[in-house]
């Protein structure tokens, strides 16, 4: 019994050891242990909330993008609240901390303007819902599906399964094409040039046949062929077709080009090489 009492006294002395002193506030070992336990509790709470939301999405068929965006907002509120509570737990008065660090915060704010811009842009995205998880975005030369919208960055996965992090300020401020904003079919183009003297009606017929044979081309909206121009070395045609398979549009275009090339070869339609006239001038006197 005496050994147990001695152990409790020793444990109490260890827990009361001073770790740090700030403005007459002494941070002791038991403060840090309580802070660690509180952080573990918050982490478990976030994981439980995320799992519960996933279950509800699967069971009730909720909109995944909107539900996860709401979870992101709730998560950040919980994290900020946990930080404030944790600071109070170890005896740090927020009013004193903010007042003492005002000049430092101004300097940090000036140095992190772009970061704060990304954060506020992330909040705008989460509330405005102009871009949602699952949308297909075209950002510059990159096309990808949105898989995550964080407070500072958005994550896109390209058709090559490459993850790209894009600052939210770029998504909000730049010209971004959202292929999923219109949930109906979208029109795409495949251009091809044929040799001068070719039967243009046959070319039109073969292009329409190629679109009709592809399973991912929307048959409810008829494809069209335009005689676009008289090029330098070819007659230029454009096949306009509709499809709602946005992530696979590159594959669809490739398939159509394969089919068009095969049909042209079968019917003797020639796709010409680019031609240039070379004039040699002699200065021999």
Protein backbone atom coordinates (compact mmCIF):
# COMPACT_ATOMS: atom_id res chain seq x y z
CA UNK A 1 0.00 0.00 0.00
CA UNK A 2 2.84 2.32 0.85
CA UNK A 3 4.46 1.57 -2.52
CA UNK A 4 1.21 2.42 -4.31
CA UNK A 5 0.88 5.70 -2.40
CA UNK A 6 4.48 6.53 -3.21
CA UNK A 7 3.74 5.82 -6.89
CA UNK A 8 0.73 8.16 -6.84
CA UNK A 9 2.79 10.91 -5.22
CA UNK A 10 5.54 10.46 -7.80
CA UNK A 11 2.99 10.46 -10.64
CA UNK A 12 1.41 13.63 -9.26
CA UNK A 13 4.80 15.30 -9.09
CA UNK A 14 5.51 14.33 -12.71
CA UNK A 15 2.14 15.62 -13.91
CA UNK A 16 2.73 18.92 -12.11
CA UNK A 17 6.12 19.49 -13.69
CA UNK A 18 6.35 22.86 -15.40
CA UNK A 19 6.98 22.71 -19.15
CA UNK A 20 6.52 26.33 -20.22
CA UNK A 21 5.59 29.66 -18.66
CA UNK A 22 3.72 32.35 -20.60
CA UNK A 23 2.57 35.58 -18.91
CA UNK A 24 2.28 33.96 -15.49
CA UNK A 25 0.47 30.98 -17.05
CA UNK A 26 2.32 27.79 -16.24
CA UNK A 27 1.85 24.95 -18.72
CA UNK A 28 2.34 21.66 -16.94
CA UNK A 29 2.66 18.06 -18.06
CA UNK A 30 -0.98 17.26 -17.28
CA UNK A 31 -2.01 20.17 -19.54
CA UNK A 32 -0.13 18.59 -22.45
CA UNK A 33 -1.55 15.13 -21.73
CA UNK A 34 -5.05 16.57 -21.66
CA UNK A 35 -4.35 18.38 -24.93
CA UNK A 36 -3.14 15.14 -26.58
CA UNK A 37 -6.21 13.24 -25.40
CA UNK A 38 -8.45 16.06 -26.62
CA UNK A 39 -6.73 16.01 -30.04
CA UNK A 40 -7.24 12.24 -30.29
CA UNK A 41 -10.91 12.70 -29.42
CA UNK A 42 -11.34 15.36 -32.13
CA UNK A 43 -9.60 13.11 -34.67
CA UNK A 44 -11.89 10.19 -33.81
CA UNK A 45 -14.91 12.51 -34.01
CA UNK A 46 -13.93 13.64 -37.52
CA UNK A 47 -13.37 10.05 -38.70
CA UNK A 48 -16.68 8.94 -37.22
CA UNK A 49 -18.50 11.87 -38.86
CA UNK A 50 -16.88 11.15 -42.24
CA UNK A 51 -17.80 7.46 -42.04
CA UNK A 52 -21.37 8.28 -40.99
CA UNK A 53 -21.75 10.66 -43.93
CA UNK A 54 -20.46 8.01 -46.35
CA UNK A 55 -22.97 5.51 -44.99
CA UNK A 56 -25.81 8.01 -45.38
CA UNK A 57 -24.75 8.79 -48.97
CA UNK A 58 -24.82 5.08 -49.86
CA UNK A 59 -28.05 4.30 -48.01
CA UNK A 60 -30.15 7.35 -48.87
CA UNK A 61 -28.63 8.28 -52.21
CA UNK A 62 -27.67 11.80 -51.13
CA UNK A 63 -25.82 14.10 -53.52
CA UNK A 64 -22.20 13.18 -52.87
CA UNK A 65 -20.73 16.52 -53.89
CA UNK A 66 -23.03 18.66 -51.78
CA UNK A 67 -22.84 16.35 -48.77
CA UNK A 68 -19.04 16.18 -48.78
CA UNK A 69 -18.81 19.95 -49.24
CA UNK A 70 -21.02 20.40 -46.17
CA UNK A 71 -18.76 17.96 -44.30
CA UNK A 72 -15.71 20.02 -45.27
CA UNK A 73 -17.29 23.14 -43.78
CA UNK A 74 -18.25 21.29 -40.59
CA UNK A 75 -14.76 19.78 -40.38
CA UNK A 76 -13.05 23.16 -40.51
CA UNK A 77 -15.43 24.59 -37.90
CA UNK A 78 -14.65 21.63 -35.60
CA UNK A 79 -10.89 22.01 -36.13
CA UNK A 80 -10.88 25.76 -35.45
CA UNK A 81 -13.10 25.29 -32.39
CA UNK A 82 -10.84 22.49 -31.14
CA UNK A 83 -7.75 24.69 -31.49
CA UNK A 84 -9.40 27.49 -29.52
CA UNK A 85 -10.62 25.09 -26.82
CA UNK A 86 -7.21 23.44 -26.65
CA UNK A 87 -5.49 26.77 -26.12
CA UNK A 88 -7.90 27.59 -23.33
CA UNK A 89 -7.27 24.15 -21.79
CA UNK A 90 -3.57 24.86 -21.35
CA UNK A 91 -4.24 28.31 -19.94
CA UNK A 92 -3.43 30.49 -22.96
CA UNK A 93 -5.77 33.50 -23.05
CA UNK A 94 -6.66 34.26 -26.62
CA UNK A 95 -7.09 37.99 -26.02
CA UNK A 96 -3.55 38.25 -24.66
CA UNK A 97 -2.17 36.09 -27.45
CA UNK A 98 -3.84 38.09 -30.21
CA UNK A 99 -2.87 41.40 -28.66
CA UNK A 100 0.76 40.39 -28.22
CA UNK A 101 1.05 38.93 -31.71
CA UNK A 102 -0.83 41.65 -33.61
CA UNK A 103 2.25 43.02 -35.37
CA UNK A 104 3.46 39.52 -36.18
CA UNK A 105 0.06 38.58 -37.61
CA UNK A 106 0.11 41.65 -39.87
CA UNK A 107 3.52 40.62 -41.23
CA UNK A 108 2.40 37.03 -41.73
CA UNK A 109 -0.78 38.22 -43.45
CA UNK A 110 1.19 40.32 -45.94
CA UNK A 111 3.53 37.43 -46.67
CA UNK A 112 0.72 34.91 -47.10
CA UNK A 113 -1.73 36.91 -49.20
CA UNK A 114 -1.90 34.25 -51.90
CA UNK A 115 -2.53 31.54 -49.28
CA UNK A 116 -5.35 33.53 -47.70
CA UNK A 117 -6.73 34.18 -51.18
CA UNK A 118 -6.78 30.41 -51.80
CA UNK A 119 -8.50 29.80 -48.44
CA UNK A 120 -11.25 32.36 -49.05
CA UNK A 121 -11.69 31.02 -52.58
CA UNK A 122 -12.09 27.53 -51.10
CA UNK A 123 -14.83 28.81 -48.79
CA UNK A 124 -16.55 30.42 -51.80
CA UNK A 125 -16.43 27.13 -53.71
CA UNK A 126 -17.85 25.16 -50.78
CA UNK A 127 -20.75 27.59 -50.31
CA UNK A 128 -21.41 28.65 -53.91
CA UNK A 129 -21.35 25.08 -55.30
CA UNK A 130 -20.36 26.28 -58.80
CA UNK A 131 -17.91 23.35 -58.85
CA UNK A 132 -18.73 20.05 -57.14
CA UNK A 133 -16.97 16.76 -56.53
CA UNK A 134 -17.29 14.61 -59.63
CA UNK A 135 -17.33 17.54 -62.09
CA UNK A 136 -15.10 17.40 -65.16
CA UNK A 137 -12.97 20.56 -65.38
CA UNK A 138 -10.73 21.89 -68.11
CA UNK A 139 -8.04 24.06 -66.54
CA UNK A 140 -5.66 25.31 -69.22
CA UNK A 141 -4.42 22.18 -70.99
CA UNK A 142 -5.48 19.88 -68.13
CA UNK A 143 -8.78 17.96 -68.09
CA UNK A 144 -9.70 16.04 -64.96
CA UNK A 145 -12.40 14.98 -62.52
CA UNK A 146 -12.71 16.82 -59.21
CA UNK A 147 -12.20 14.29 -56.41
CA UNK A 148 -11.67 16.63 -53.47
CA UNK A 149 -12.26 20.29 -52.61
CA UNK A 150 -10.07 21.34 -49.69
CA UNK A 151 -9.95 24.70 -47.97
CA UNK A 152 -6.87 25.79 -49.99
CA UNK A 153 -6.62 23.50 -53.01
CA UNK A 154 -8.81 21.32 -55.20
CA UNK A 155 -7.63 17.90 -56.36
CA UNK A 156 -8.20 16.75 -59.93
CA UNK A 157 -7.51 13.29 -61.35
CA UNK A 158 -6.72 13.32 -65.07
CA UNK A 159 -7.56 10.66 -67.64
CA UNK A 160 -4.03 9.32 -67.09
CA UNK A 161 -4.88 8.83 -63.38
CA UNK A 162 -2.52 11.64 -62.34
CA UNK A 163 -3.54 13.70 -59.31
CA UNK A 164 -3.13 17.45 -59.71
CA UNK A 165 -3.58 20.02 -56.93
CA UNK A 166 -4.92 23.36 -58.19
CA UNK A 167 -5.09 26.46 -55.95
CA UNK A 168 -8.70 27.42 -55.31
CA UNK A 169 -8.01 31.04 -56.30
CA UNK A 170 -7.15 29.80 -59.82
CA UNK A 171 -10.43 27.89 -60.00
CA UNK A 172 -12.44 30.92 -58.82
CA UNK A 173 -10.67 33.70 -60.74
CA UNK A 174 -9.52 32.07 -64.01
CA UNK A 175 -11.63 30.99 -66.96
CA UNK A 176 -12.45 27.37 -66.16
CA UNK A 177 -14.53 25.10 -68.40
CA UNK A 178 -16.86 22.91 -66.34
CA UNK A 179 -17.96 20.14 -68.69
CA UNK A 180 -20.35 18.78 -66.05
CA UNK A 181 -22.18 22.04 -65.38
CA UNK A 182 -24.58 21.18 -68.18
CA UNK A 183 -25.70 17.63 -67.42
CA UNK A 184 -26.92 17.06 -70.99
CA UNK A 185 -24.86 16.04 -74.02
CA UNK A 186 -22.06 18.27 -75.25
CA UNK A 187 -21.03 18.78 -78.87
CA UNK A 188 -17.50 17.93 -79.99
CA UNK A 189 -15.59 18.17 -83.27
CA UNK A 190 -13.32 15.96 -85.36
CA UNK A 191 -11.65 17.69 -88.31
CA UNK A 192 -10.23 15.97 -91.40
CA UNK A 193 -8.83 17.08 -94.75
CA UNK A 194 -9.32 15.26 -98.07
CA UNK A 195 -7.64 15.56 -101.43
CA UNK A 196 -8.88 18.14 -103.93
CA UNK A 197 -11.19 16.44 -106.45
CA UNK A 198 -12.68 14.06 -103.88
CA UNK A 199 -16.41 13.31 -103.91
CA UNK A 200 -17.55 15.69 -101.14
CA UNK A 201 -20.97 14.02 -100.80
CA UNK A 202 -19.25 10.66 -100.28
CA UNK A 203 -16.99 12.25 -97.65
CA UNK A 204 -20.04 13.61 -95.83
CA UNK A 205 -21.76 10.21 -95.97
CA UNK A 206 -18.70 8.36 -94.58
CA UNK A 207 -18.24 10.84 -91.73
CA UNK A 208 -21.89 10.49 -90.68
CA UNK A 209 -21.60 6.68 -90.86
CA UNK A 210 -18.57 6.80 -88.54
CA UNK A 211 -20.52 8.77 -85.92
CA UNK A 212 -23.55 6.49 -86.25
CA UNK A 213 -21.45 3.38 -85.60
CA UNK A 214 -19.85 4.61 -82.38
CA UNK A 215 -21.78 3.48 -79.27
CA UNK A 216 -20.85 6.55 -77.17
CA UNK A 217 -22.12 9.11 -79.68
CA UNK A 218 -25.54 10.45 -78.66
CA UNK A 219 -27.95 9.23 -81.34
CA UNK A 220 -30.83 11.37 -80.07
CA UNK A 221 -29.08 14.47 -81.41
CA UNK A 222 -28.03 14.11 -85.05
CA UNK A 223 -24.41 14.59 -86.03
CA UNK A 224 -23.55 17.16 -88.68
CA UNK A 225 -20.81 17.55 -91.27
CA UNK A 226 -19.55 20.98 -92.28
CA UNK A 227 -17.46 21.75 -95.36
CA UNK A 228 -15.25 24.09 -93.37
CA UNK A 229 -12.77 25.51 -95.88
CA UNK A 230 -10.64 25.17 -99.00
CA UNK A 231 -7.26 24.57 -97.37
CA UNK A 232 -3.78 24.99 -98.83
CA UNK A 233 -3.51 21.30 -99.73
CA UNK A 234 -6.88 19.77 -98.74
CA UNK A 235 -10.62 20.26 -98.47
CA UNK A 236 -11.36 20.69 -94.76
CA UNK A 237 -14.39 18.95 -93.22
CA UNK A 238 -15.62 18.96 -89.62
CA UNK A 239 -17.72 16.21 -88.05
CA UNK A 240 -19.82 17.64 -85.21
CA UNK A 241 -21.21 15.00 -82.85
CA UNK A 242 -22.87 14.93 -79.41
CA UNK A 243 -21.90 12.83 -76.40
CA UNK A 244 -22.50 12.77 -72.64
CA UNK A 245 -19.40 10.62 -72.01
CA UNK A 246 -17.26 13.60 -71.03
CA UNK A 247 -14.30 11.79 -69.45
CA UNK A 248 -13.99 9.51 -72.50
CA UNK A 249 -14.26 12.20 -75.19
CA UNK A 250 -10.57 11.85 -76.10
CA UNK A 251 -11.06 8.11 -76.65
CA UNK A 252 -14.23 8.76 -78.68
CA UNK A 253 -12.41 11.20 -80.96
CA UNK A 254 -9.58 8.70 -81.44
CA UNK A 255 -12.05 5.90 -82.27
CA UNK A 256 -13.79 8.12 -84.81
CA UNK A 257 -10.49 8.97 -86.49
CA UNK A 258 -9.62 5.26 -86.76
CA UNK A 259 -13.03 4.55 -88.28
CA UNK A 260 -12.85 7.52 -90.66
CA UNK A 261 -9.39 6.48 -91.89
CA UNK A 262 -10.60 2.91 -92.51
CA UNK A 263 -13.70 4.08 -94.41
CA UNK A 264 -11.71 6.53 -96.51
CA UNK A 265 -9.24 3.78 -97.49
CA UNK A 266 -12.11 1.42 -98.34
CA UNK A 267 -13.77 3.99 -100.64
CA UNK A 268 -10.64 5.50 -102.13
CA UNK A 269 -10.85 8.86 -100.39
CA UNK A 270 -7.33 10.24 -99.94
CA UNK A 271 -6.10 12.28 -96.99
CA UNK A 272 -3.28 14.31 -98.60
CA UNK A 273 0.13 15.22 -97.25
CA UNK A 274 0.75 18.92 -96.66
CA UNK A 275 2.16 20.42 -99.85
CA UNK A 276 4.48 23.38 -100.32
CA UNK A 277 5.79 24.92 -103.54
CA UNK A 278 9.53 25.59 -103.55
CA UNK A 279 10.87 28.18 -106.00
CA UNK A 280 14.63 28.29 -106.63
CA UNK A 281 15.94 31.54 -108.01
CA UNK A 282 19.31 31.55 -109.69
CA UNK A 283 21.48 34.66 -109.68
CA UNK A 284 24.02 33.26 -112.19
CA UNK A 285 24.90 35.99 -114.67
